[in-house]
Amino acid sequence: SLRCAAVGAVVGWCDRLSAAEAQRLKLAAEAGGGLGLILRPLGAARGPSFADLRLRVTPVVSAEVVRRVRIEVVRWRGGKEGQSLVGEIDDETGDVRVSAELAPAAARA
């Protein structure tokens, strides 16, 4: 699916991924021009990856009804690693947005 130019994005779960398999997935996404999102367990963070961007998503405990997750840049080829933000998930619409508490004042206006 990643190699097909008619497919815009592919999302998949992968418990284990060898270096050769990771490289093949990256090359397939480049050939097809789409976006490949591979979801992996936290234990796979030390495993091989040829991804240009790696994110770690963890739940944030909140007393409010709103679901929140922290999204941290673990690796970003050509970008700044270590950045993070808190996102809110709207269960009714499925929208994910930056937490209102953390959004810049201009964005809130």
PDB file of N, CA and C in Angstrom:
ATOM      1  N   SER A   1       0.815  -1.200   0.000  1.00  0.00           N
ATOM      2  CA  SER A   1       0.000   0.000   0.000  1.00  0.00           C
ATOM      3  C   SER A   1       0.858   1.264   0.000  1.00  0.00           C
ATOM      4  N   LEU A   2       1.968   1.238   0.731  1.00  0.00           N
ATOM      5  CA  LEU A   2       2.832   2.420   0.777  1.00  0.00           C
ATOM      6  C   LEU A   2       3.424   2.761  -0.582  1.00  0.00           C
ATOM      7  N   ARG A   3       3.677   1.762  -1.381  1.00  0.00           N
ATOM      8  CA  ARG A   3       4.297   1.985  -2.684  1.00  0.00           C
ATOM      9  C   ARG A   3       3.307   2.523  -3.720  1.00  0.00           C
ATOM     10  N   CYS A   4       2.021   2.382  -3.459  1.00  0.00           N
ATOM     11  CA  CYS A   4       0.991   2.792  -4.407  1.00  0.00           C
ATOM     12  C   CYS A   4       0.769   4.305  -4.352  1.00  0.00           C
ATOM     13  N   ALA A   5       0.916   4.981  -5.473  1.00  0.00           N
ATOM     14  CA  ALA A   5       0.754   6.436  -5.538  1.00  0.00           C
ATOM     15  C   ALA A   5      -0.693   6.860  -5.306  1.00  0.00           C
ATOM     16  N   ALA A   6      -1.644   5.945  -5.448  1.00  0.00           N
ATOM     17  CA  ALA A   6      -3.054   6.278  -5.246  1.00  0.00           C
ATOM     18  C   ALA A   6      -3.439   6.292  -3.766  1.00  0.00           C
ATOM     19  N   VAL A   7      -2.526   5.842  -2.904  1.00  0.00           N
ATOM     20  CA  VAL A   7      -2.798   5.793  -1.466  1.00  0.00           C
ATOM     21  C   VAL A   7      -2.087   6.965  -0.800  1.00  0.00           C
ATOM     22  N   GLY A   8      -2.851   7.782  -0.075  1.00  0.00           N
ATOM     23  CA  GLY A   8      -2.281   8.966   0.562  1.00  0.00           C
ATOM     24  C   GLY A   8      -1.604   8.678   1.886  1.00  0.00           C
ATOM     25  N   ALA A   9      -2.141   7.721   2.645  1.00  0.00           N
ATOM     26  CA  ALA A   9      -1.567   7.415   3.958  1.00  0.00           C
ATOM     27  C   ALA A   9      -1.874   5.971   4.343  1.00  0.00           C
ATOM     28  N   VAL A  10      -0.956   5.378   5.078  1.00  0.00           N
ATOM     29  CA  VAL A  10      -1.123   4.025   5.589  1.00  0.00           C
ATOM     30  C   VAL A  10      -0.782   4.052   7.077  1.00  0.00           C
ATOM     31  N   VAL A  11      -1.647   3.477   7.901  1.00  0.00           N
ATOM     32  CA  VAL A  11      -1.416   3.381   9.334  1.00  0.00           C
ATOM     33  C   VAL A  11      -1.385   1.906   9.700  1.00  0.00           C
ATOM     34  N   GLY A  12      -0.372   1.505  10.450  1.00  0.00           N
ATOM     35  CA  GLY A  12      -0.282   0.103  10.831  1.00  0.00           C
ATOM     36  C   GLY A  12       0.391  -0.072  12.174  1.00  0.00           C
ATOM     37  N   TRP A  13       0.076  -1.172  12.859  1.00  0.00           N
ATOM     38  CA  TRP A  13       0.679  -1.529  14.132  1.00  0.00           C
ATOM     39  C   TRP A  13       1.733  -2.582  13.869  1.00  0.00           C
ATOM     40  N   CYS A  14       2.895  -2.430  14.495  1.00  0.00           N
ATOM     41  CA  CYS A  14       3.982  -3.384  14.291  1.00  0.00           C
ATOM     42  C   CYS A  14       4.714  -3.597  15.608  1.00  0.00           C
ATOM     43  N   ASP A  15       4.599  -4.801  16.172  1.00  0.00           N
ATOM     44  CA  ASP A  15       5.290  -5.103  17.435  1.00  0.00           C
ATOM     45  C   ASP A  15       6.803  -5.176  17.241  1.00  0.00           C
ATOM     46  N   ARG A  16       7.218  -5.901  16.216  1.00  0.00           N
ATOM     47  CA  ARG A  16       8.643  -6.083  15.944  1.00  0.00           C
ATOM     48  C   ARG A  16       8.930  -5.646  14.518  1.00  0.00           C
ATOM     49  N   LEU A  17      10.102  -5.048  14.334  1.00  0.00           N
ATOM     50  CA  LEU A  17      10.473  -4.548  13.022  1.00  0.00           C
ATOM     51  C   LEU A  17      11.992  -4.629  12.894  1.00  0.00           C
ATOM     52  N   SER A  18      12.465  -5.406  11.937  1.00  0.00           N
ATOM     53  CA  SER A  18      13.914  -5.508  11.728  1.00  0.00           C
ATOM     54  C   SER A  18      14.395  -4.271  10.971  1.00  0.00           C
ATOM     55  N   ALA A  19      15.692  -4.072  10.970  1.00  0.00           N
ATOM     56  CA  ALA A  19      16.269  -2.934  10.256  1.00  0.00           C
ATOM     57  C   ALA A  19      15.940  -3.012   8.764  1.00  0.00           C
ATOM     58  N   ALA A  20      16.005  -4.194   8.200  1.00  0.00           N
ATOM     59  CA  ALA A  20      15.708  -4.357   6.770  1.00  0.00           C
ATOM     60  C   ALA A  20      14.238  -4.040   6.475  1.00  0.00           C
ATOM     61  N   GLU A  21      13.344  -4.480   7.355  1.00  0.00           N
ATOM     62  CA  GLU A  21      11.913  -4.200   7.155  1.00  0.00           C
ATOM     63  C   GLU A  21      11.619  -2.707   7.292  1.00  0.00           C
ATOM     64  N   ALA A  22      12.257  -2.058   8.263  1.00  0.00           N
ATOM     65  CA  ALA A  22      12.073  -0.619   8.446  1.00  0.00           C
ATOM     66  C   ALA A  22      12.548   0.149   7.216  1.00  0.00           C
ATOM     67  N   GLN A  23      13.694  -0.251   6.681  1.00  0.00           N
ATOM     68  CA  GLN A  23      14.232   0.397   5.480  1.00  0.00           C
ATOM     69  C   GLN A  23      13.305   0.186   4.286  1.00  0.00           C
ATOM     70  N   ARG A  24      12.757  -1.006   4.135  1.00  0.00           N
ATOM     71  CA  ARG A  24      11.831  -1.291   3.028  1.00  0.00           C
ATOM     72  C   ARG A  24      10.569  -0.444   3.117  1.00  0.00           C
ATOM     73  N   LEU A  25      10.053  -0.289   4.337  1.00  0.00           N
ATOM     74  CA  LEU A  25       8.859   0.545   4.513  1.00  0.00           C
ATOM     75  C   LEU A  25       9.140   1.996   4.137  1.00  0.00           C
ATOM     76  N   LYS A  26      10.288   2.507   4.548  1.00  0.00           N
ATOM     77  CA  LYS A  26      10.638   3.890   4.206  1.00  0.00           C
ATOM     78  C   LYS A  26      10.770   4.055   2.695  1.00  0.00           C
ATOM     79  N   LEU A  27      11.453   3.135   2.046  1.00  0.00           N
ATOM     80  CA  LEU A  27      11.635   3.223   0.594  1.00  0.00           C
ATOM     81  C   LEU A  27      10.292   3.116  -0.141  1.00  0.00           C
ATOM     82  N   ALA A  28       9.394   2.278   0.368  1.00  0.00           N
ATOM     83  CA  ALA A  28       8.074   2.142  -0.246  1.00  0.00           C
ATOM     84  C   ALA A  28       7.286   3.447  -0.118  1.00  0.00           C
ATOM     85  N   ALA A  29       7.352   4.087   1.041  1.00  0.00           N
ATOM     86  CA  ALA A  29       6.644   5.363   1.236  1.00  0.00           C
ATOM     87  C   ALA A  29       7.224   6.441   0.329  1.00  0.00           C
ATOM     88  N   GLU A  30       8.522   6.464   0.179  1.00  0.00           N
ATOM     89  CA  GLU A  30       9.152   7.449  -0.715  1.00  0.00           C
ATOM     90  C   GLU A  30       8.744   7.205  -2.158  1.00  0.00           C
ATOM     91  N   ALA A  31       8.678   5.946  -2.567  1.00  0.00           N
ATOM     92  CA  ALA A  31       8.296   5.615  -3.943  1.00  0.00           C
ATOM     93  C   ALA A  31       6.846   5.981  -4.229  1.00  0.00           C
ATOM     94  N   GLY A  32       5.966   5.740  -3.265  1.00  0.00           N
ATOM     95  CA  GLY A  32       4.549   6.033  -3.466  1.00  0.00           C
ATOM     96  C   GLY A  32       4.185   7.487  -3.222  1.00  0.00           C
ATOM     97  N   GLY A  33       5.016   8.194  -2.449  1.00  0.00           N
ATOM     98  CA  GLY A  33       4.744   9.606  -2.173  1.00  0.00           C
ATOM     99  C   GLY A  33       3.728   9.834  -1.065  1.00  0.00           C
ATOM    100  N   GLY A  34       3.327   8.782  -0.373  1.00  0.00           N
ATOM    101  CA  GLY A  34       2.336   8.923   0.697  1.00  0.00           C
ATOM    102  C   GLY A  34       2.986   9.005   2.067  1.00  0.00           C
ATOM    103  N   LEU A  35       2.146   8.968   3.076  1.00  0.00           N
ATOM    104  CA  LEU A  35       2.575   9.045   4.464  1.00  0.00           C
ATOM    105  C   LEU A  35       2.401   7.679   5.113  1.00  0.00           C
ATOM    106  N   GLY A  36       3.433   7.204   5.774  1.00  0.00           N
ATOM    107  CA  GLY A  36       3.345   5.939   6.487  1.00  0.00           C
ATOM    108  C   GLY A  36       3.471   6.182   7.978  1.00  0.00           C
ATOM    109  N   LEU A  37       2.476   5.768   8.744  1.00  0.00           N
ATOM    110  CA  LEU A  37       2.506   5.884  10.200  1.00  0.00           C
ATOM    111  C   LEU A  37       2.574   4.474  10.784  1.00  0.00           C
ATOM    112  N   ILE A  38       3.645   4.192  11.495  1.00  0.00           N
ATOM    113  CA  ILE A  38       3.800   2.886  12.106  1.00  0.00           C
ATOM    114  C   ILE A  38       3.688   3.081  13.607  1.00  0.00           C
ATOM    115  N   LEU A  39       2.715   2.444  14.196  1.00  0.00           N
ATOM    116  CA  LEU A  39       2.502   2.507  15.635  1.00  0.00           C
ATOM    117  C   LEU A  39       3.216   1.332  16.276  1.00  0.00           C
ATOM    118  N   ARG A  40       3.995   1.631  17.307  1.00  0.00           N
ATOM    119  CA  ARG A  40       4.781   0.584  17.959  1.00  0.00           C
ATOM    120  C   ARG A  40       4.689   0.737  19.467  1.00  0.00           C
ATOM    121  N   PRO A  41       4.879  -0.357  20.216  1.00  0.00           N
ATOM    122  CA  PRO A  41       4.852  -0.263  21.675  1.00  0.00           C
ATOM    123  C   PRO A  41       6.077   0.502  22.181  1.00  0.00           C
ATOM    124  N   LEU A  42       5.994   1.012  23.398  1.00  0.00           N
ATOM    125  CA  LEU A  42       7.082   1.786  23.981  1.00  0.00           C
ATOM    126  C   LEU A  42       8.385   0.998  24.016  1.00  0.00           C
ATOM    127  N   GLY A  43       8.296  -0.294  24.212  1.00  0.00           N
ATOM    128  CA  GLY A  43       9.486  -1.138  24.251  1.00  0.00           C
ATOM    129  C   GLY A  43      10.261  -1.166  22.939  1.00  0.00           C
ATOM    130  N   ALA A  44       9.638  -0.762  21.855  1.00  0.00           N
ATOM    131  CA  ALA A  44      10.295  -0.768  20.546  1.00  0.00           C
ATOM    132  C   ALA A  44      11.077   0.513  20.286  1.00  0.00           C
ATOM    133  N   ALA A  45      11.082   1.440  21.248  1.00  0.00           N
ATOM    134  CA  ALA A  45      11.744   2.729  21.048  1.00  0.00           C
ATOM    135  C   ALA A  45      13.237   2.595  20.765  1.00  0.00           C
ATOM    136  N   ARG A  46      13.852   1.557  21.282  1.00  0.00           N
ATOM    137  CA  ARG A  46      15.287   1.358  21.046  1.00  0.00           C
ATOM    138  C   ARG A  46      15.559   0.565  19.783  1.00  0.00           C
ATOM    139  N   GLY A  47      14.520   0.092  19.134  1.00  0.00           N
ATOM    140  CA  GLY A  47      14.679  -0.710  17.927  1.00  0.00           C
ATOM    141  C   GLY A  47      15.049   0.134  16.720  1.00  0.00           C
ATOM    142  N   PRO A  48      15.329  -0.539  15.604  1.00  0.00           N
ATOM    143  CA  PRO A  48      15.733   0.169  14.390  1.00  0.00           C
ATOM    144  C   PRO A  48      14.590   0.999  13.811  1.00  0.00           C
ATOM    145  N   SER A  49      14.971   2.119  13.224  1.00  0.00           N
ATOM    146  CA  SER A  49      13.998   2.964  12.550  1.00  0.00           C
ATOM    147  C   SER A  49      14.719   3.818  11.518  1.00  0.00           C
ATOM    148  N   PHE A  50      14.142   3.928  10.364  1.00  0.00           N
ATOM    149  CA  PHE A  50      14.679   4.798   9.328  1.00  0.00           C
ATOM    150  C   PHE A  50      13.741   5.975   9.107  1.00  0.00           C
ATOM    151  N   ALA A  51      12.837   6.175  10.057  1.00  0.00           N
ATOM    152  CA  ALA A  51      11.838   7.235   9.953  1.00  0.00           C
ATOM    153  C   ALA A  51      12.490   8.613  10.043  1.00  0.00           C
ATOM    154  N   ASP A  52      11.932   9.564   9.333  1.00  0.00           N
ATOM    155  CA  ASP A  52      12.391  10.948   9.428  1.00  0.00           C
ATOM    156  C   ASP A  52      11.872  11.598  10.704  1.00  0.00           C
ATOM    157  N   LEU A  53      10.769  11.076  11.229  1.00  0.00           N
ATOM    158  CA  LEU A  53      10.159  11.634  12.430  1.00  0.00           C
ATOM    159  C   LEU A  53       9.673  10.509  13.333  1.00  0.00           C
ATOM    160  N   ARG A  54      10.056  10.564  14.601  1.00  0.00           N
ATOM    161  CA  ARG A  54       9.562   9.603  15.598  1.00  0.00           C
ATOM    162  C   ARG A  54       8.927  10.392  16.724  1.00  0.00           C
ATOM    163  N   LEU A  55       7.698  10.029  17.055  1.00  0.00           N
ATOM    164  CA  LEU A  55       6.966  10.687  18.129  1.00  0.00           C
ATOM    165  C   LEU A  55       6.655   9.687  19.227  1.00  0.00           C
ATOM    166  N   ARG A  56       6.635  10.156  20.458  1.00  0.00           N
ATOM    167  CA  ARG A  56       6.187   9.345  21.588  1.00  0.00           C
ATOM    168  C   ARG A  56       4.903   9.995  22.097  1.00  0.00           C
ATOM    169  N   VAL A  57       3.836   9.223  22.168  1.00  0.00           N
ATOM    170  CA  VAL A  57       2.545   9.728  22.619  1.00  0.00           C
ATOM    171  C   VAL A  57       2.187   9.008  23.923  1.00  0.00           C
ATOM    172  N   THR A  58       1.984   9.790  24.991  1.00  0.00           N
ATOM    173  CA  THR A  58       1.649   9.217  26.294  1.00  0.00           C
ATOM    174  C   THR A  58       0.442   9.947  26.874  1.00  0.00           C
ATOM    175  N   PRO A  59      -0.402   9.237  27.608  1.00  0.00           N
ATOM    176  CA  PRO A  59      -1.568   9.887  28.210  1.00  0.00           C
ATOM    177  C   PRO A  59      -1.148  10.838  29.328  1.00  0.00           C
ATOM    178  N   VAL A  60      -1.928  11.917  29.506  1.00  0.00           N
ATOM    179  CA  VAL A  60      -1.701  12.874  30.578  1.00  0.00           C
ATOM    180  C   VAL A  60      -2.880  12.770  31.534  1.00  0.00           C
ATOM    181  N   VAL A  61      -2.575  12.542  32.805  1.00  0.00           N
ATOM    182  CA  VAL A  61      -3.624  12.450  33.813  1.00  0.00           C
ATOM    183  C   VAL A  61      -4.221  13.836  34.024  1.00  0.00           C
ATOM    184  N   SER A  62      -5.538  13.901  33.981  1.00  0.00           N
ATOM    185  CA  SER A  62      -6.230  15.176  34.131  1.00  0.00           C
ATOM    186  C   SER A  62      -7.484  14.978  34.959  1.00  0.00           C
ATOM    187  N   ALA A  63      -7.767  15.942  35.821  1.00  0.00           N
ATOM    188  CA  ALA A  63      -8.990  15.884  36.636  1.00  0.00           C
ATOM    189  C   ALA A  63     -10.211  16.256  35.800  1.00  0.00           C
ATOM    190  N   GLU A  64      -9.976  16.852  34.654  1.00  0.00           N
ATOM    191  CA  GLU A  64     -11.068  17.264  33.781  1.00  0.00           C
ATOM    192  C   GLU A  64     -11.571  16.080  32.955  1.00  0.00           C
ATOM    193  N   VAL A  65     -12.698  16.290  32.299  1.00  0.00           N
ATOM    194  CA  VAL A  65     -13.296  15.251  31.459  1.00  0.00           C
ATOM    195  C   VAL A  65     -12.521  15.091  30.149  1.00  0.00           C
ATOM    196  N   VAL A  66     -11.812  16.121  29.737  1.00  0.00           N
ATOM    197  CA  VAL A  66     -11.092  16.123  28.464  1.00  0.00           C
ATOM    198  C   VAL A  66      -9.928  15.137  28.501  1.00  0.00           C
ATOM    199  N   ARG A  67      -9.792  14.333  27.435  1.00  0.00           N
ATOM    200  CA  ARG A  67      -8.641  13.425  27.326  1.00  0.00           C
ATOM    201  C   ARG A  67      -7.460  14.205  26.785  1.00  0.00           C
ATOM    202  N   ARG A  68      -6.311  14.027  27.417  1.00  0.00           N
ATOM    203  CA  ARG A  68      -5.110  14.719  26.979  1.00  0.00           C
ATOM    204  C   ARG A  68      -3.987  13.718  26.758  1.00  0.00           C
ATOM    205  N   VAL A  69      -3.127  14.042  25.788  1.00  0.00           N
ATOM    206  CA  VAL A  69      -1.938  13.234  25.512  1.00  0.00           C
ATOM    207  C   VAL A  69      -0.740  14.164  25.318  1.00  0.00           C
ATOM    208  N   ARG A  70       0.409  13.708  25.760  1.00  0.00           N
ATOM    209  CA  ARG A  70       1.652  14.440  25.503  1.00  0.00           C
ATOM    210  C   ARG A  70       2.269  13.849  24.246  1.00  0.00           C
ATOM    211  N   ILE A  71       2.628  14.721  23.312  1.00  0.00           N
ATOM    212  CA  ILE A  71       3.264  14.299  22.065  1.00  0.00           C
ATOM    213  C   ILE A  71       4.676  14.871  22.079  1.00  0.00           C
ATOM    214  N   GLU A  72       5.663  13.980  22.114  1.00  0.00           N
ATOM    215  CA  GLU A  72       7.055  14.383  22.228  1.00  0.00           C
ATOM    216  C   GLU A  72       7.821  13.969  20.974  1.00  0.00           C
ATOM    217  N   VAL A  73       8.643  14.873  20.465  1.00  0.00           N
ATOM    218  CA  VAL A  73       9.489  14.575  19.310  1.00  0.00           C
ATOM    219  C   VAL A  73      10.719  13.828  19.823  1.00  0.00           C
ATOM    220  N   VAL A  74      10.804  12.539  19.495  1.00  0.00           N
ATOM    221  CA  VAL A  74      11.932  11.717  19.912  1.00  0.00           C
ATOM    222  C   VAL A  74      13.070  11.864  18.911  1.00  0.00           C
ATOM    223  N   ARG A  75      12.716  11.891  17.645  1.00  0.00           N
ATOM    224  CA  ARG A  75      13.724  12.035  16.587  1.00  0.00           C
ATOM    225  C   ARG A  75      13.091  12.768  15.421  1.00  0.00           C
ATOM    226  N   TRP A  76      13.801  13.757  14.899  1.00  0.00           N
ATOM    227  CA  TRP A  76      13.294  14.518  13.764  1.00  0.00           C
ATOM    228  C   TRP A  76      14.486  14.883  12.895  1.00  0.00           C
ATOM    229  N   ARG A  77      14.618  14.204  11.796  1.00  0.00           N
ATOM    230  CA  ARG A  77      15.745  14.443  10.906  1.00  0.00           C
ATOM    231  C   ARG A  77      15.643  15.859  10.349  1.00  0.00           C
ATOM    232  N   GLY A  78      16.607  16.694  10.701  1.00  0.00           N
ATOM    233  CA  GLY A  78      16.618  18.081  10.233  1.00  0.00           C
ATOM    234  C   GLY A  78      15.804  19.018  11.110  1.00  0.00           C
ATOM    235  N   GLY A  79      15.284  18.546  12.230  1.00  0.00           N
ATOM    236  CA  GLY A  79      14.477  19.385  13.107  1.00  0.00           C
ATOM    237  C   GLY A  79      14.982  19.344  14.530  1.00  0.00           C
ATOM    238  N   LYS A  80      14.208  19.898  15.439  1.00  0.00           N
ATOM    239  CA  LYS A  80      14.602  19.952  16.842  1.00  0.00           C
ATOM    240  C   LYS A  80      13.951  18.822  17.623  1.00  0.00           C
ATOM    241  N   GLU A  81      14.770  17.981  18.211  1.00  0.00           N
ATOM    242  CA  GLU A  81      14.277  16.883  19.032  1.00  0.00           C
ATOM    243  C   GLU A  81      14.029  17.388  20.446  1.00  0.00           C
ATOM    244  N   GLY A  82      13.242  16.635  21.197  1.00  0.00           N
ATOM    245  CA  GLY A  82      12.987  16.975  22.586  1.00  0.00           C
ATOM    246  C   GLY A  82      11.827  17.930  22.793  1.00  0.00           C
ATOM    247  N   GLN A  83      11.240  18.449  21.734  1.00  0.00           N
ATOM    248  CA  GLN A  83      10.086  19.330  21.881  1.00  0.00           C
ATOM    249  C   GLN A  83       8.859  18.487  22.183  1.00  0.00           C
ATOM    250  N   SER A  84       7.906  19.079  22.912  1.00  0.00           N
ATOM    251  CA  SER A  84       6.672  18.364  23.185  1.00  0.00           C
ATOM    252  C   SER A  84       5.522  19.343  23.332  1.00  0.00           C
ATOM    253  N   LEU A  85       4.326  18.803  23.241  1.00  0.00           N
ATOM    254  CA  LEU A  85       3.122  19.589  23.457  1.00  0.00           C
ATOM    255  C   LEU A  85       2.052  18.669  24.007  1.00  0.00           C
ATOM    256  N   VAL A  86       1.032  19.269  24.590  1.00  0.00           N
ATOM    257  CA  VAL A  86      -0.086  18.495  25.114  1.00  0.00           C
ATOM    258  C   VAL A  86      -1.265  18.730  24.187  1.00  0.00           C
ATOM    259  N   GLY A  87      -1.857  17.648  23.730  1.00  0.00           N
ATOM    260  CA  GLY A  87      -3.020  17.731  22.855  1.00  0.00           C
ATOM    261  C   GLY A  87      -4.266  17.243  23.565  1.00  0.00           C
ATOM    262  N   GLU A  88      -5.396  17.802  23.190  1.00  0.00           N
ATOM    263  CA  GLU A  88      -6.682  17.378  23.733  1.00  0.00           C
ATOM    264  C   GLU A  88      -7.431  16.618  22.649  1.00  0.00           C
ATOM    265  N   ILE A  89      -8.074  15.537  23.031  1.00  0.00           N
ATOM    266  CA  ILE A  89      -8.826  14.720  22.085  1.00  0.00           C
ATOM    267  C   ILE A  89     -10.311  14.907  22.358  1.00  0.00           C
ATOM    268  N   ASP A  90     -11.036  15.320  21.330  1.00  0.00           N
ATOM    269  CA  ASP A  90     -12.490  15.482  21.432  1.00  0.00           C
ATOM    270  C   ASP A  90     -13.123  14.149  21.042  1.00  0.00           C
ATOM    271  N   ASP A  91     -13.700  13.453  22.014  1.00  0.00           N
ATOM    272  CA  ASP A  91     -14.261  12.125  21.748  1.00  0.00           C
ATOM    273  C   ASP A  91     -15.458  12.164  20.801  1.00  0.00           C
ATOM    274  N   GLU A  92     -16.187  13.274  20.772  1.00  0.00           N
ATOM    275  CA  GLU A  92     -17.365  13.364  19.901  1.00  0.00           C
ATOM    276  C   GLU A  92     -16.983  13.524  18.434  1.00  0.00           C
ATOM    277  N   THR A  93     -15.981  14.365  18.160  1.00  0.00           N
ATOM    278  CA  THR A  93     -15.613  14.641  16.768  1.00  0.00           C
ATOM    279  C   THR A  93     -14.360  13.906  16.312  1.00  0.00           C
ATOM    280  N   GLY A  94     -13.536  13.469  17.278  1.00  0.00           N
ATOM    281  CA  GLY A  94     -12.267  12.840  16.925  1.00  0.00           C
ATOM    282  C   GLY A  94     -11.160  13.847  16.684  1.00  0.00           C
ATOM    283  N   ASP A  95     -11.458  15.139  16.849  1.00  0.00           N
ATOM    284  CA  ASP A  95     -10.449  16.185  16.635  1.00  0.00           C
ATOM    285  C   ASP A  95      -9.385  16.135  17.721  1.00  0.00           C
ATOM    286  N   VAL A  96      -8.160  16.453  17.339  1.00  0.00           N
ATOM    287  CA  VAL A  96      -7.059  16.588  18.276  1.00  0.00           C
ATOM    288  C   VAL A  96      -6.532  18.000  18.121  1.00  0.00           C
ATOM    289  N   ARG A  97      -6.418  18.729  19.227  1.00  0.00           N
ATOM    290  CA  ARG A  97      -5.933  20.110  19.165  1.00  0.00           C
ATOM    291  C   ARG A  97      -4.989  20.362  20.337  1.00  0.00           C
ATOM    292  N   VAL A  98      -4.176  21.419  20.197  1.00  0.00           N
ATOM    293  CA  VAL A  98      -3.272  21.818  21.274  1.00  0.00           C
ATOM    294  C   VAL A  98      -4.112  22.260  22.452  1.00  0.00           C
ATOM    295  N   SER A  99      -3.718  21.847  23.640  1.00  0.00           N
ATOM    296  CA  SER A  99      -4.438  22.210  24.848  1.00  0.00           C
ATOM    297  C   SER A  99      -4.569  23.728  24.937  1.00  0.00           C
ATOM    298  N   ALA A 100      -5.757  24.236  25.267  1.00  0.00           N
ATOM    299  CA  ALA A 100      -6.015  25.676  25.342  1.00  0.00           C
ATOM    300  C   ALA A 100      -5.079  26.354  26.334  1.00  0.00           C
ATOM    301  N   GLU A 101      -4.680  25.651  27.387  1.00  0.00           N
ATOM    302  CA  GLU A 101      -3.777  26.214  28.373  1.00  0.00           C
ATOM    303  C   GLU A 101      -2.405  26.498  27.783  1.00  0.00           C
ATOM    304  N   LEU A 102      -2.021  25.727  26.766  1.00  0.00           N
ATOM    305  CA  LEU A 102      -0.670  25.834  26.210  1.00  0.00           C
ATOM    306  C   LEU A 102      -0.603  26.604  24.895  1.00  0.00           C
ATOM    307  N   ALA A 103      -1.752  26.866  24.289  1.00  0.00           N
ATOM    308  CA  ALA A 103      -1.761  27.549  22.996  1.00  0.00           C
ATOM    309  C   ALA A 103      -1.282  28.980  23.166  1.00  0.00           C
ATOM    310  N   PRO A 104      -0.527  29.517  22.198  1.00  0.00           N
ATOM    311  CA  PRO A 104      -0.092  30.911  22.275  1.00  0.00           C
ATOM    312  C   PRO A 104      -1.311  31.846  22.336  1.00  0.00           C
ATOM    313  N   ALA A 105      -1.162  32.983  22.976  1.00  0.00           N
ATOM    314  CA  ALA A 105      -2.271  33.937  23.135  1.00  0.00           C
ATOM    315  C   ALA A 105      -2.867  34.337  21.783  1.00  0.00           C
ATOM    316  N   ALA A 106      -2.059  34.529  20.769  1.00  0.00           N
ATOM    317  CA  ALA A 106      -2.565  34.922  19.456  1.00  0.00           C
ATOM    318  C   ALA A 106      -3.446  33.840  18.851  1.00  0.00           C
ATOM    319  N   ALA A 107      -3.084  32.575  19.077  1.00  0.00           N
ATOM    320  CA  ALA A 107      -3.865  31.465  18.525  1.00  0.00           C
ATOM    321  C   ALA A 107      -5.217  31.370  19.223  1.00  0.00           C
ATOM    322  N   ARG A 108      -5.271  31.644  20.541  1.00  0.00           N
ATOM    323  CA  ARG A 108      -6.530  31.576  21.269  1.00  0.00           C
ATOM    324  C   ARG A 108      -7.462  32.680  20.806  1.00  0.00           C
ATOM    325  N   ALA A 109      -6.908  33.844  20.485  1.00  0.00           N
ATOM    326  CA  ALA A 109      -7.748  34.963  20.048  1.00  0.00           C
ATOM    327  C   ALA A 109      -8.371  34.637  18.725  1.00  0.00           C
TER     328      ALA A 109
END
